[in-house]
N, C-alpha and C. Protein backbone atom coordinates (compact mmCIF):
# COMPACT_ATOMS: atom_id res chain seq x y z
N MET A 1 -11.65 -22.66 2.31
CA MET A 1 -11.97 -21.51 3.14
C MET A 1 -10.68 -20.93 3.73
N THR A 2 -10.56 -19.60 3.67
CA THR A 2 -9.37 -18.94 4.18
C THR A 2 -9.30 -19.06 5.70
N ARG A 3 -8.13 -19.37 6.20
CA ARG A 3 -7.95 -19.50 7.64
C ARG A 3 -8.13 -18.15 8.33
N ARG A 4 -8.82 -18.17 9.48
CA ARG A 4 -9.10 -16.93 10.21
C ARG A 4 -8.02 -16.62 11.24
N LEU A 5 -7.82 -15.33 11.47
CA LEU A 5 -6.99 -14.86 12.57
C LEU A 5 -7.90 -14.61 13.76
N VAL A 6 -7.60 -15.18 14.90
CA VAL A 6 -8.44 -15.00 16.09
C VAL A 6 -7.83 -13.93 16.98
N GLN A 7 -8.65 -13.35 17.83
CA GLN A 7 -8.18 -12.31 18.73
C GLN A 7 -7.01 -12.82 19.56
N GLY A 8 -6.00 -11.96 19.72
CA GLY A 8 -4.82 -12.32 20.49
C GLY A 8 -3.71 -12.91 19.65
N THR A 9 -4.00 -13.25 18.38
CA THR A 9 -2.95 -13.79 17.49
C THR A 9 -1.85 -12.76 17.31
N ARG A 10 -0.60 -13.21 17.35
CA ARG A 10 0.53 -12.31 17.07
C ARG A 10 0.73 -12.28 15.56
N LEU A 11 0.69 -11.09 14.99
CA LEU A 11 0.76 -10.89 13.55
C LEU A 11 1.94 -9.99 13.22
N VAL A 12 2.75 -10.41 12.23
CA VAL A 12 3.86 -9.59 11.77
C VAL A 12 3.40 -8.73 10.60
N VAL A 13 3.63 -7.43 10.67
CA VAL A 13 3.44 -6.56 9.51
C VAL A 13 4.75 -6.57 8.74
N ALA A 14 4.73 -7.19 7.57
CA ALA A 14 5.96 -7.45 6.82
C ALA A 14 6.37 -6.24 6.00
N SER A 15 6.80 -5.19 6.70
CA SER A 15 7.24 -3.98 6.02
C SER A 15 8.28 -3.27 6.88
N HIS A 16 9.19 -2.56 6.20
CA HIS A 16 10.15 -1.69 6.88
C HIS A 16 9.85 -0.23 6.58
N ASN A 17 8.71 0.03 5.93
CA ASN A 17 8.29 1.40 5.59
C ASN A 17 7.45 1.94 6.75
N PRO A 18 7.94 2.94 7.50
CA PRO A 18 7.22 3.41 8.68
C PRO A 18 5.80 3.91 8.38
N GLY A 19 5.63 4.61 7.24
CA GLY A 19 4.31 5.11 6.91
C GLY A 19 3.34 3.99 6.62
N LYS A 20 3.80 2.99 5.89
CA LYS A 20 2.96 1.83 5.55
C LYS A 20 2.62 1.03 6.81
N VAL A 21 3.62 0.82 7.68
CA VAL A 21 3.38 0.10 8.93
C VAL A 21 2.33 0.83 9.76
N ARG A 22 2.45 2.15 9.84
CA ARG A 22 1.51 2.94 10.63
C ARG A 22 0.08 2.78 10.10
N GLU A 23 -0.09 2.85 8.78
CA GLU A 23 -1.43 2.71 8.21
C GLU A 23 -2.00 1.32 8.48
N ILE A 24 -1.18 0.27 8.32
CA ILE A 24 -1.68 -1.08 8.55
C ILE A 24 -2.01 -1.28 10.04
N LEU A 25 -1.17 -0.73 10.92
CA LEU A 25 -1.46 -0.82 12.35
C LEU A 25 -2.80 -0.17 12.67
N ASP A 26 -3.06 1.00 12.06
CA ASP A 26 -4.34 1.69 12.28
C ASP A 26 -5.52 0.82 11.83
N LEU A 27 -5.35 0.13 10.71
CA LEU A 27 -6.43 -0.71 10.19
C LEU A 27 -6.64 -1.97 11.04
N VAL A 28 -5.53 -2.54 11.54
CA VAL A 28 -5.60 -3.78 12.31
C VAL A 28 -6.03 -3.54 13.75
N ALA A 29 -5.75 -2.34 14.27
CA ALA A 29 -5.93 -2.04 15.70
C ALA A 29 -7.27 -2.47 16.30
N PRO A 30 -8.41 -2.26 15.62
CA PRO A 30 -9.70 -2.61 16.25
C PRO A 30 -9.97 -4.11 16.36
N HIS A 31 -9.10 -4.95 15.83
CA HIS A 31 -9.43 -6.36 15.69
C HIS A 31 -8.77 -7.29 16.73
N GLY A 32 -8.14 -6.69 17.74
CA GLY A 32 -7.66 -7.50 18.86
C GLY A 32 -6.47 -8.38 18.57
N LEU A 33 -5.68 -7.99 17.55
CA LEU A 33 -4.47 -8.76 17.23
C LEU A 33 -3.25 -8.11 17.89
N SER A 34 -2.26 -8.90 18.21
CA SER A 34 -1.00 -8.40 18.74
C SER A 34 -0.05 -8.23 17.56
N VAL A 35 0.32 -6.98 17.29
CA VAL A 35 1.03 -6.69 16.03
C VAL A 35 2.46 -6.25 16.30
N VAL A 36 3.37 -6.78 15.48
CA VAL A 36 4.77 -6.38 15.52
C VAL A 36 5.25 -6.22 14.08
N SER A 37 6.15 -5.27 13.84
CA SER A 37 6.63 -5.07 12.47
C SER A 37 7.88 -5.89 12.20
N ALA A 38 8.13 -6.14 10.91
CA ALA A 38 9.34 -6.86 10.51
C ALA A 38 10.58 -6.11 10.95
N ALA A 39 10.52 -4.78 10.93
CA ALA A 39 11.67 -3.98 11.37
C ALA A 39 11.95 -4.19 12.85
N GLU A 40 10.89 -4.23 13.66
CA GLU A 40 11.07 -4.46 15.10
C GLU A 40 11.71 -5.82 15.37
N LEU A 41 11.38 -6.80 14.54
CA LEU A 41 11.95 -8.14 14.70
C LEU A 41 13.31 -8.28 14.02
N GLN A 42 13.74 -7.18 13.38
CA GLN A 42 15.03 -7.16 12.66
C GLN A 42 15.11 -8.24 11.58
N LEU A 43 13.97 -8.45 10.92
CA LEU A 43 13.95 -9.39 9.80
C LEU A 43 14.52 -8.71 8.57
N PRO A 44 15.28 -9.42 7.76
CA PRO A 44 15.83 -8.81 6.54
C PRO A 44 14.72 -8.53 5.53
N GLU A 45 14.96 -7.52 4.68
CA GLU A 45 14.00 -7.21 3.61
C GLU A 45 14.33 -8.10 2.41
N PRO A 46 13.38 -8.92 1.95
CA PRO A 46 13.65 -9.76 0.78
C PRO A 46 13.70 -8.94 -0.50
N GLU A 47 14.38 -9.43 -1.49
CA GLU A 47 14.41 -8.75 -2.79
C GLU A 47 13.07 -8.94 -3.47
N GLU A 48 12.49 -7.84 -3.94
CA GLU A 48 11.17 -7.89 -4.57
C GLU A 48 11.36 -8.15 -6.06
N THR A 49 11.26 -9.41 -6.44
CA THR A 49 11.54 -9.82 -7.81
C THR A 49 10.26 -10.12 -8.60
N GLY A 50 9.10 -9.88 -8.02
CA GLY A 50 7.84 -10.18 -8.69
C GLY A 50 7.54 -9.20 -9.82
N ALA A 51 6.64 -9.63 -10.72
CA ALA A 51 6.24 -8.78 -11.85
C ALA A 51 4.93 -8.06 -11.58
N THR A 52 4.30 -8.34 -10.43
CA THR A 52 3.02 -7.71 -10.08
C THR A 52 3.05 -7.33 -8.60
N PHE A 53 2.10 -6.48 -8.20
CA PHE A 53 1.98 -6.12 -6.78
C PHE A 53 1.72 -7.38 -5.95
N ALA A 54 0.85 -8.26 -6.45
CA ALA A 54 0.50 -9.46 -5.69
C ALA A 54 1.72 -10.36 -5.48
N GLU A 55 2.54 -10.51 -6.53
CA GLU A 55 3.72 -11.37 -6.40
C GLU A 55 4.70 -10.80 -5.37
N ASN A 56 4.90 -9.49 -5.40
CA ASN A 56 5.82 -8.88 -4.44
C ASN A 56 5.27 -8.94 -3.01
N ALA A 57 3.96 -8.76 -2.87
CA ALA A 57 3.36 -8.89 -1.54
C ALA A 57 3.57 -10.29 -0.99
N ARG A 58 3.42 -11.27 -1.86
CA ARG A 58 3.60 -12.66 -1.42
C ARG A 58 5.04 -12.93 -1.00
N ILE A 59 6.00 -12.42 -1.77
CA ILE A 59 7.41 -12.60 -1.42
C ILE A 59 7.69 -12.06 -0.02
N LYS A 60 7.18 -10.87 0.26
CA LYS A 60 7.45 -10.23 1.56
C LYS A 60 6.74 -10.96 2.71
N ALA A 61 5.49 -11.36 2.48
CA ALA A 61 4.73 -12.03 3.54
C ALA A 61 5.33 -13.40 3.86
N GLU A 62 5.67 -14.15 2.82
CA GLU A 62 6.24 -15.48 3.05
C GLU A 62 7.59 -15.40 3.76
N ALA A 63 8.41 -14.41 3.39
CA ALA A 63 9.72 -14.26 4.04
C ALA A 63 9.55 -13.94 5.52
N ALA A 64 8.60 -13.04 5.84
CA ALA A 64 8.40 -12.66 7.24
C ALA A 64 7.79 -13.81 8.04
N ALA A 65 6.85 -14.54 7.44
CA ALA A 65 6.22 -15.66 8.15
C ALA A 65 7.25 -16.75 8.47
N GLN A 66 8.11 -17.02 7.51
CA GLN A 66 9.15 -18.03 7.74
C GLN A 66 10.18 -17.53 8.74
N GLY A 67 10.56 -16.26 8.63
CA GLY A 67 11.58 -15.70 9.50
C GLY A 67 11.14 -15.58 10.94
N ALA A 68 9.86 -15.28 11.15
CA ALA A 68 9.35 -15.06 12.51
C ALA A 68 8.62 -16.28 13.07
N GLY A 69 8.22 -17.21 12.19
CA GLY A 69 7.42 -18.34 12.65
C GLY A 69 6.03 -17.91 13.09
N LEU A 70 5.53 -16.82 12.47
CA LEU A 70 4.23 -16.25 12.82
C LEU A 70 3.49 -15.90 11.53
N PRO A 71 2.15 -15.79 11.59
CA PRO A 71 1.46 -15.27 10.41
C PRO A 71 1.93 -13.85 10.12
N ALA A 72 2.03 -13.52 8.83
CA ALA A 72 2.55 -12.21 8.43
C ALA A 72 1.64 -11.60 7.38
N LEU A 73 1.41 -10.29 7.51
CA LEU A 73 0.60 -9.54 6.57
C LEU A 73 1.49 -8.52 5.87
N SER A 74 1.54 -8.58 4.55
CA SER A 74 2.37 -7.65 3.79
C SER A 74 1.49 -6.85 2.84
N ASP A 75 2.08 -5.76 2.38
CA ASP A 75 1.41 -4.90 1.41
C ASP A 75 2.42 -4.57 0.33
N ASP A 76 2.01 -4.65 -0.92
CA ASP A 76 2.80 -4.06 -1.99
C ASP A 76 1.87 -3.14 -2.75
N SER A 77 2.29 -1.92 -2.90
CA SER A 77 1.38 -0.94 -3.47
C SER A 77 2.16 0.08 -4.27
N GLY A 78 1.43 0.84 -5.08
CA GLY A 78 2.10 1.85 -5.87
C GLY A 78 1.14 2.67 -6.69
N LEU A 79 1.71 3.67 -7.35
CA LEU A 79 0.97 4.60 -8.19
C LEU A 79 1.08 4.15 -9.64
N GLU A 80 -0.05 4.13 -10.33
CA GLU A 80 -0.07 3.79 -11.76
C GLU A 80 -0.66 4.98 -12.52
N VAL A 81 0.14 5.56 -13.40
CA VAL A 81 -0.26 6.76 -14.16
C VAL A 81 -0.61 6.35 -15.58
N GLU A 82 -1.83 6.66 -15.99
CA GLU A 82 -2.33 6.23 -17.30
C GLU A 82 -1.42 6.71 -18.43
N ALA A 83 -1.01 7.99 -18.37
CA ALA A 83 -0.19 8.57 -19.45
C ALA A 83 1.20 7.95 -19.52
N LEU A 84 1.63 7.28 -18.45
CA LEU A 84 2.94 6.64 -18.42
C LEU A 84 2.84 5.13 -18.60
N GLY A 85 1.70 4.68 -19.13
CA GLY A 85 1.54 3.25 -19.37
C GLY A 85 1.50 2.42 -18.10
N GLY A 86 1.06 3.05 -17.01
CA GLY A 86 0.99 2.33 -15.74
C GLY A 86 2.19 2.51 -14.83
N ALA A 87 3.21 3.20 -15.32
CA ALA A 87 4.38 3.49 -14.47
C ALA A 87 4.02 4.58 -13.44
N PRO A 88 4.73 4.63 -12.31
CA PRO A 88 5.85 3.77 -11.93
C PRO A 88 5.43 2.37 -11.46
N GLY A 89 4.15 2.15 -11.13
CA GLY A 89 3.67 0.81 -10.83
C GLY A 89 4.46 0.11 -9.74
N ILE A 90 4.91 -1.12 -10.02
CA ILE A 90 5.63 -1.89 -8.99
C ILE A 90 6.99 -1.28 -8.67
N TYR A 91 7.42 -0.30 -9.47
CA TYR A 91 8.70 0.37 -9.20
C TYR A 91 8.50 1.70 -8.46
N SER A 92 7.32 1.91 -7.89
CA SER A 92 7.01 3.20 -7.25
C SER A 92 8.03 3.58 -6.19
N ALA A 93 8.42 2.63 -5.34
CA ALA A 93 9.41 2.94 -4.29
C ALA A 93 10.78 3.19 -4.90
N ARG A 94 11.11 2.46 -5.96
CA ARG A 94 12.45 2.60 -6.55
C ARG A 94 12.64 3.97 -7.21
N TRP A 95 11.55 4.57 -7.68
CA TRP A 95 11.65 5.90 -8.27
C TRP A 95 12.09 6.92 -7.22
N ALA A 96 11.94 6.59 -5.94
CA ALA A 96 12.36 7.50 -4.87
C ALA A 96 13.85 7.39 -4.57
N GLY A 97 14.53 6.44 -5.23
CA GLY A 97 15.97 6.30 -5.07
C GLY A 97 16.39 5.66 -3.76
N PRO A 98 17.69 5.48 -3.58
CA PRO A 98 18.21 4.82 -2.38
C PRO A 98 17.82 5.53 -1.09
N ALA A 99 17.67 6.86 -1.16
CA ALA A 99 17.31 7.64 0.03
C ALA A 99 15.81 7.61 0.30
N LYS A 100 15.04 6.96 -0.59
CA LYS A 100 13.58 6.89 -0.46
C LYS A 100 12.97 8.28 -0.32
N ASP A 101 13.45 9.19 -1.17
CA ASP A 101 12.98 10.58 -1.17
C ASP A 101 11.86 10.71 -2.20
N PHE A 102 10.62 10.76 -1.70
CA PHE A 102 9.49 10.78 -2.62
C PHE A 102 9.26 12.15 -3.26
N SER A 103 9.92 13.18 -2.78
CA SER A 103 9.85 14.45 -3.51
C SER A 103 10.55 14.28 -4.86
N VAL A 104 11.61 13.49 -4.88
CA VAL A 104 12.31 13.16 -6.14
C VAL A 104 11.40 12.32 -7.03
N ALA A 105 10.73 11.33 -6.44
CA ALA A 105 9.85 10.46 -7.22
C ALA A 105 8.68 11.24 -7.81
N MET A 106 8.07 12.11 -7.01
CA MET A 106 6.94 12.91 -7.51
C MET A 106 7.39 13.84 -8.63
N GLN A 107 8.57 14.43 -8.50
CA GLN A 107 9.09 15.30 -9.56
C GLN A 107 9.31 14.52 -10.84
N ARG A 108 9.80 13.30 -10.72
CA ARG A 108 10.02 12.47 -11.92
C ARG A 108 8.70 12.16 -12.61
N VAL A 109 7.67 11.82 -11.82
CA VAL A 109 6.34 11.57 -12.40
C VAL A 109 5.86 12.80 -13.16
N ALA A 110 5.95 13.97 -12.49
CA ALA A 110 5.48 15.21 -13.12
C ALA A 110 6.25 15.50 -14.40
N ASP A 111 7.57 15.34 -14.35
CA ASP A 111 8.40 15.64 -15.53
C ASP A 111 8.07 14.70 -16.69
N GLU A 112 7.91 13.40 -16.40
CA GLU A 112 7.66 12.45 -17.48
C GLU A 112 6.28 12.65 -18.10
N VAL A 113 5.29 13.02 -17.26
CA VAL A 113 3.95 13.31 -17.80
C VAL A 113 4.02 14.54 -18.71
N LYS A 114 4.73 15.59 -18.26
CA LYS A 114 4.86 16.82 -19.05
C LYS A 114 5.58 16.54 -20.37
N GLN A 115 6.61 15.70 -20.33
CA GLN A 115 7.35 15.37 -21.56
C GLN A 115 6.46 14.71 -22.60
N ARG A 116 5.42 14.03 -22.15
CA ARG A 116 4.49 13.37 -23.08
C ARG A 116 3.33 14.28 -23.47
N GLY A 117 3.35 15.52 -22.97
CA GLY A 117 2.28 16.46 -23.28
C GLY A 117 0.94 16.06 -22.71
N SER A 118 0.97 15.34 -21.58
CA SER A 118 -0.27 14.78 -21.03
C SER A 118 -0.75 15.48 -19.77
N TRP A 119 -0.14 16.65 -19.48
CA TRP A 119 -0.58 17.36 -18.26
C TRP A 119 -1.67 18.35 -18.65
N LYS A 120 -2.91 17.89 -18.66
CA LYS A 120 -4.06 18.72 -19.01
C LYS A 120 -5.04 18.70 -17.85
N GLU A 121 -5.80 19.79 -17.71
CA GLU A 121 -6.78 19.88 -16.62
C GLU A 121 -7.85 18.82 -16.78
N PRO A 122 -8.38 18.23 -15.68
CA PRO A 122 -8.06 18.55 -14.29
C PRO A 122 -6.77 17.90 -13.80
N GLY A 123 -6.12 17.13 -14.65
CA GLY A 123 -4.89 16.44 -14.26
C GLY A 123 -4.90 15.04 -14.83
N PRO A 124 -3.71 14.48 -15.07
CA PRO A 124 -3.64 13.15 -15.66
C PRO A 124 -4.27 12.08 -14.77
N ARG A 125 -4.93 11.13 -15.42
CA ARG A 125 -5.59 10.05 -14.69
C ARG A 125 -4.55 9.12 -14.06
N ALA A 126 -4.88 8.64 -12.88
CA ALA A 126 -3.96 7.75 -12.16
C ALA A 126 -4.76 6.93 -11.16
N ASN A 127 -4.15 5.88 -10.66
CA ASN A 127 -4.76 5.12 -9.58
C ASN A 127 -3.67 4.57 -8.67
N PHE A 128 -4.05 4.36 -7.44
CA PHE A 128 -3.21 3.60 -6.51
C PHE A 128 -3.75 2.18 -6.46
N THR A 129 -2.86 1.21 -6.41
CA THR A 129 -3.22 -0.19 -6.23
C THR A 129 -2.48 -0.73 -5.01
N ALA A 130 -3.18 -1.52 -4.21
CA ALA A 130 -2.55 -2.20 -3.07
C ALA A 130 -2.91 -3.67 -3.12
N ALA A 131 -1.90 -4.51 -2.93
CA ALA A 131 -2.12 -5.95 -2.77
C ALA A 131 -1.68 -6.34 -1.37
N LEU A 132 -2.56 -6.97 -0.63
CA LEU A 132 -2.24 -7.48 0.70
C LEU A 132 -2.09 -9.00 0.61
N CYS A 133 -1.10 -9.52 1.30
CA CYS A 133 -0.93 -10.98 1.37
C CYS A 133 -0.80 -11.39 2.83
N LEU A 134 -1.61 -12.36 3.23
CA LEU A 134 -1.48 -12.98 4.54
C LEU A 134 -0.82 -14.35 4.33
N ALA A 135 0.33 -14.54 4.96
CA ALA A 135 1.06 -15.80 4.84
C ALA A 135 1.23 -16.44 6.21
N TRP A 136 1.11 -17.76 6.24
CA TRP A 136 1.31 -18.51 7.48
C TRP A 136 2.63 -19.28 7.38
N PRO A 137 3.25 -19.60 8.52
CA PRO A 137 4.54 -20.32 8.49
C PRO A 137 4.48 -21.66 7.78
N ASP A 138 3.28 -22.27 7.71
CA ASP A 138 3.18 -23.58 7.04
C ASP A 138 3.01 -23.46 5.53
N GLY A 139 3.02 -22.23 5.00
CA GLY A 139 2.96 -22.04 3.56
C GLY A 139 1.62 -21.59 3.00
N GLU A 140 0.56 -21.58 3.81
CA GLU A 140 -0.74 -21.11 3.32
C GLU A 140 -0.68 -19.60 3.09
N VAL A 141 -1.28 -19.14 1.97
CA VAL A 141 -1.32 -17.71 1.68
C VAL A 141 -2.70 -17.32 1.18
N ALA A 142 -3.04 -16.05 1.38
CA ALA A 142 -4.27 -15.48 0.83
C ALA A 142 -3.96 -14.07 0.36
N LEU A 143 -4.49 -13.69 -0.82
CA LEU A 143 -4.19 -12.40 -1.43
C LEU A 143 -5.46 -11.58 -1.62
N PHE A 144 -5.34 -10.26 -1.44
CA PHE A 144 -6.47 -9.35 -1.56
C PHE A 144 -5.98 -8.05 -2.21
N GLU A 145 -6.78 -7.50 -3.14
CA GLU A 145 -6.35 -6.30 -3.86
C GLU A 145 -7.39 -5.20 -3.75
N GLY A 146 -6.93 -3.96 -3.71
CA GLY A 146 -7.81 -2.80 -3.71
C GLY A 146 -7.24 -1.70 -4.59
N LYS A 147 -8.12 -0.90 -5.18
CA LYS A 147 -7.69 0.22 -6.03
C LYS A 147 -8.51 1.47 -5.70
N VAL A 148 -7.90 2.63 -5.91
CA VAL A 148 -8.63 3.89 -5.84
C VAL A 148 -8.19 4.73 -7.04
N TYR A 149 -9.18 5.29 -7.74
CA TYR A 149 -8.91 6.04 -8.97
C TYR A 149 -9.03 7.54 -8.72
N GLY A 150 -8.28 8.31 -9.51
CA GLY A 150 -8.33 9.76 -9.37
C GLY A 150 -7.45 10.42 -10.40
N HIS A 151 -6.91 11.60 -10.04
CA HIS A 151 -6.01 12.32 -10.95
C HIS A 151 -4.86 12.94 -10.16
N LEU A 152 -3.84 13.33 -10.88
CA LEU A 152 -2.66 13.94 -10.27
C LEU A 152 -2.78 15.45 -10.25
N VAL A 153 -2.12 16.07 -9.26
CA VAL A 153 -2.03 17.53 -9.18
C VAL A 153 -0.55 17.92 -9.05
N TRP A 154 -0.25 19.13 -9.48
CA TRP A 154 1.11 19.66 -9.32
C TRP A 154 1.04 21.15 -9.10
N PRO A 155 1.74 21.71 -8.13
CA PRO A 155 2.69 21.05 -7.23
C PRO A 155 1.98 20.17 -6.19
N PRO A 156 2.75 19.32 -5.49
CA PRO A 156 2.15 18.48 -4.45
C PRO A 156 1.48 19.32 -3.38
N ARG A 157 0.44 18.74 -2.77
CA ARG A 157 -0.33 19.46 -1.76
C ARG A 157 -0.44 18.64 -0.48
N GLY A 158 -0.03 19.23 0.63
CA GLY A 158 -0.20 18.59 1.94
C GLY A 158 1.01 17.83 2.40
N THR A 159 1.09 17.63 3.71
CA THR A 159 2.24 16.96 4.32
C THR A 159 1.84 15.70 5.07
N ARG A 160 0.56 15.31 4.96
CA ARG A 160 0.12 14.07 5.60
C ARG A 160 0.38 12.91 4.65
N GLY A 161 0.13 11.70 5.16
CA GLY A 161 0.33 10.53 4.32
C GLY A 161 1.81 10.30 4.06
N PHE A 162 2.10 9.62 2.97
CA PHE A 162 3.49 9.33 2.61
C PHE A 162 3.53 8.98 1.13
N GLY A 163 4.73 8.78 0.62
CA GLY A 163 4.86 8.40 -0.78
C GLY A 163 4.33 9.48 -1.72
N TYR A 164 3.49 9.05 -2.66
CA TYR A 164 2.95 9.95 -3.68
C TYR A 164 1.65 10.64 -3.24
N ASP A 165 1.25 10.46 -1.99
CA ASP A 165 -0.03 10.99 -1.52
C ASP A 165 -0.25 12.47 -1.85
N PRO A 166 0.75 13.35 -1.71
CA PRO A 166 0.49 14.77 -1.94
C PRO A 166 0.14 15.15 -3.37
N MET A 167 0.37 14.26 -4.33
CA MET A 167 0.06 14.61 -5.72
C MET A 167 -1.15 13.83 -6.27
N PHE A 168 -1.90 13.14 -5.38
CA PHE A 168 -3.03 12.33 -5.84
C PHE A 168 -4.33 12.81 -5.20
N VAL A 169 -5.33 13.06 -6.06
CA VAL A 169 -6.68 13.42 -5.60
C VAL A 169 -7.64 12.34 -6.08
N ALA A 170 -8.33 11.71 -5.15
CA ALA A 170 -9.27 10.64 -5.50
C ALA A 170 -10.53 11.20 -6.13
N ASP A 171 -11.13 10.42 -7.03
CA ASP A 171 -12.38 10.84 -7.67
C ASP A 171 -13.42 11.19 -6.61
N GLY A 172 -14.12 12.32 -6.83
CA GLY A 172 -15.18 12.74 -5.91
C GLY A 172 -14.68 13.53 -4.72
N HIS A 173 -13.38 13.82 -4.68
CA HIS A 173 -12.80 14.54 -3.54
C HIS A 173 -12.01 15.74 -4.03
N ALA A 174 -11.86 16.75 -3.16
CA ALA A 174 -11.12 17.96 -3.51
C ALA A 174 -9.73 17.97 -2.90
N LEU A 175 -9.54 17.28 -1.79
CA LEU A 175 -8.26 17.27 -1.10
C LEU A 175 -7.37 16.15 -1.64
N SER A 176 -6.07 16.41 -1.67
CA SER A 176 -5.13 15.33 -2.00
C SER A 176 -5.03 14.39 -0.81
N PHE A 177 -4.49 13.19 -1.05
CA PHE A 177 -4.25 12.26 0.06
C PHE A 177 -3.28 12.88 1.07
N GLY A 178 -2.42 13.79 0.61
CA GLY A 178 -1.49 14.46 1.51
C GLY A 178 -2.15 15.52 2.37
N GLU A 179 -3.35 15.95 1.99
CA GLU A 179 -4.09 16.95 2.77
C GLU A 179 -5.15 16.33 3.68
N MET A 180 -5.55 15.10 3.39
CA MET A 180 -6.63 14.46 4.14
C MET A 180 -6.20 14.06 5.55
N GLU A 181 -7.15 14.15 6.49
CA GLU A 181 -6.94 13.54 7.80
C GLU A 181 -6.82 12.03 7.60
N PRO A 182 -6.01 11.36 8.43
CA PRO A 182 -5.82 9.91 8.26
C PRO A 182 -7.12 9.13 8.20
N TYR A 183 -8.11 9.48 9.06
CA TYR A 183 -9.36 8.71 9.07
C TYR A 183 -10.10 8.86 7.74
N ALA A 184 -9.99 10.04 7.11
CA ALA A 184 -10.67 10.26 5.83
C ALA A 184 -10.01 9.46 4.72
N LYS A 185 -8.68 9.43 4.72
CA LYS A 185 -7.97 8.62 3.73
C LYS A 185 -8.27 7.14 3.93
N HIS A 186 -8.25 6.68 5.20
CA HIS A 186 -8.50 5.27 5.48
C HIS A 186 -9.88 4.83 4.98
N ALA A 187 -10.82 5.76 4.89
CA ALA A 187 -12.18 5.41 4.47
C ALA A 187 -12.26 5.07 2.99
N ILE A 188 -11.30 5.56 2.19
CA ILE A 188 -11.43 5.39 0.74
C ILE A 188 -10.19 4.83 0.06
N SER A 189 -9.09 4.66 0.78
CA SER A 189 -7.82 4.36 0.12
C SER A 189 -7.78 2.96 -0.47
N HIS A 190 -6.84 2.77 -1.38
CA HIS A 190 -6.58 1.45 -1.98
C HIS A 190 -6.25 0.42 -0.92
N ARG A 191 -5.45 0.84 0.06
CA ARG A 191 -5.06 -0.09 1.13
C ARG A 191 -6.27 -0.46 1.97
N ALA A 192 -7.13 0.53 2.26
CA ALA A 192 -8.33 0.25 3.05
C ALA A 192 -9.27 -0.68 2.30
N ARG A 193 -9.37 -0.52 0.98
CA ARG A 193 -10.26 -1.40 0.21
C ARG A 193 -9.73 -2.83 0.18
N ALA A 194 -8.41 -2.97 0.04
CA ALA A 194 -7.83 -4.32 0.12
C ALA A 194 -8.03 -4.89 1.52
N PHE A 195 -7.90 -4.03 2.54
CA PHE A 195 -8.04 -4.49 3.91
C PHE A 195 -9.48 -4.95 4.19
N GLN A 196 -10.46 -4.28 3.60
CA GLN A 196 -11.85 -4.71 3.78
C GLN A 196 -12.04 -6.14 3.29
N ARG A 197 -11.43 -6.45 2.15
CA ARG A 197 -11.55 -7.82 1.62
C ARG A 197 -10.81 -8.81 2.52
N PHE A 198 -9.64 -8.40 3.01
CA PHE A 198 -8.89 -9.24 3.96
C PHE A 198 -9.71 -9.46 5.23
N ALA A 199 -10.34 -8.39 5.73
CA ALA A 199 -11.11 -8.50 6.98
C ALA A 199 -12.29 -9.45 6.83
N ARG A 200 -12.98 -9.36 5.69
CA ARG A 200 -14.11 -10.26 5.47
C ARG A 200 -13.67 -11.72 5.46
N ALA A 201 -12.52 -11.99 4.82
CA ALA A 201 -12.07 -13.36 4.66
C ALA A 201 -11.35 -13.91 5.89
N CYS A 202 -10.60 -13.05 6.58
CA CYS A 202 -9.69 -13.55 7.61
C CYS A 202 -10.04 -13.10 9.02
N LEU A 203 -10.91 -12.09 9.14
CA LEU A 203 -11.31 -11.61 10.47
C LEU A 203 -12.79 -11.76 10.72
N GLY A 204 -13.52 -12.26 9.69
CA GLY A 204 -14.97 -12.46 9.88
C GLY A 204 -15.76 -11.18 9.85
N GLU A 205 -15.20 -10.14 9.21
CA GLU A 205 -15.89 -8.85 9.17
C GLU A 205 -16.94 -8.85 8.05
N GLY A 206 -17.97 -8.05 8.25
CA GLY A 206 -19.02 -7.94 7.24
C GLY A 206 -18.96 -6.68 6.45
N ALA A 207 -17.80 -5.98 6.49
CA ALA A 207 -17.68 -4.68 5.82
C ALA A 207 -17.84 -4.84 4.32
N ALA A 208 -18.43 -3.81 3.72
CA ALA A 208 -18.56 -3.80 2.26
C ALA A 208 -17.31 -3.18 1.65
N GLY A 209 -17.06 -3.51 0.41
CA GLY A 209 -15.90 -2.89 -0.24
C GLY A 209 -15.54 -3.59 -1.52
């Protein structure tokens, strides 16, 4: 049985990405946990050497749990484009370059899809995947994954969200993730779906997902 987090537990969000930290804080906020980010604790960012989202999430969570001596929750996520064989995938952040400029990353996705002749209406199929890992200082870990499917649009739409959000429209929706209000995105996102599974296992929540 997965170990539970009780109200008042201090939890490290093992990320230095402000947008990702903000989304995880929003998801964790109702559950009575005391949350601090890895950046606030000045923990170093480990090298992400895993071959999957889950492996990279585990690397980050374990490093933060050991560094802080506290339970740590990490996320590794990215965009997978069908026409690109699943790229950029685990390299989603790296496509943004050293400056982490996702306008560059989105342009690269659009250019590579067009080069393959795969930009057809309503848009190339894609999905976001998120893997969450909860790690404890004693080495116990638990992993949870969520996905949301949809298609890409070009040019990007909206200034909300972060990363590739402005070029992704989820199935059954008209707005891009970059145009959605945060509460609307949280209701359907890959990260929210992974979080629902985490909440059921580690917070005692009965949410479906």
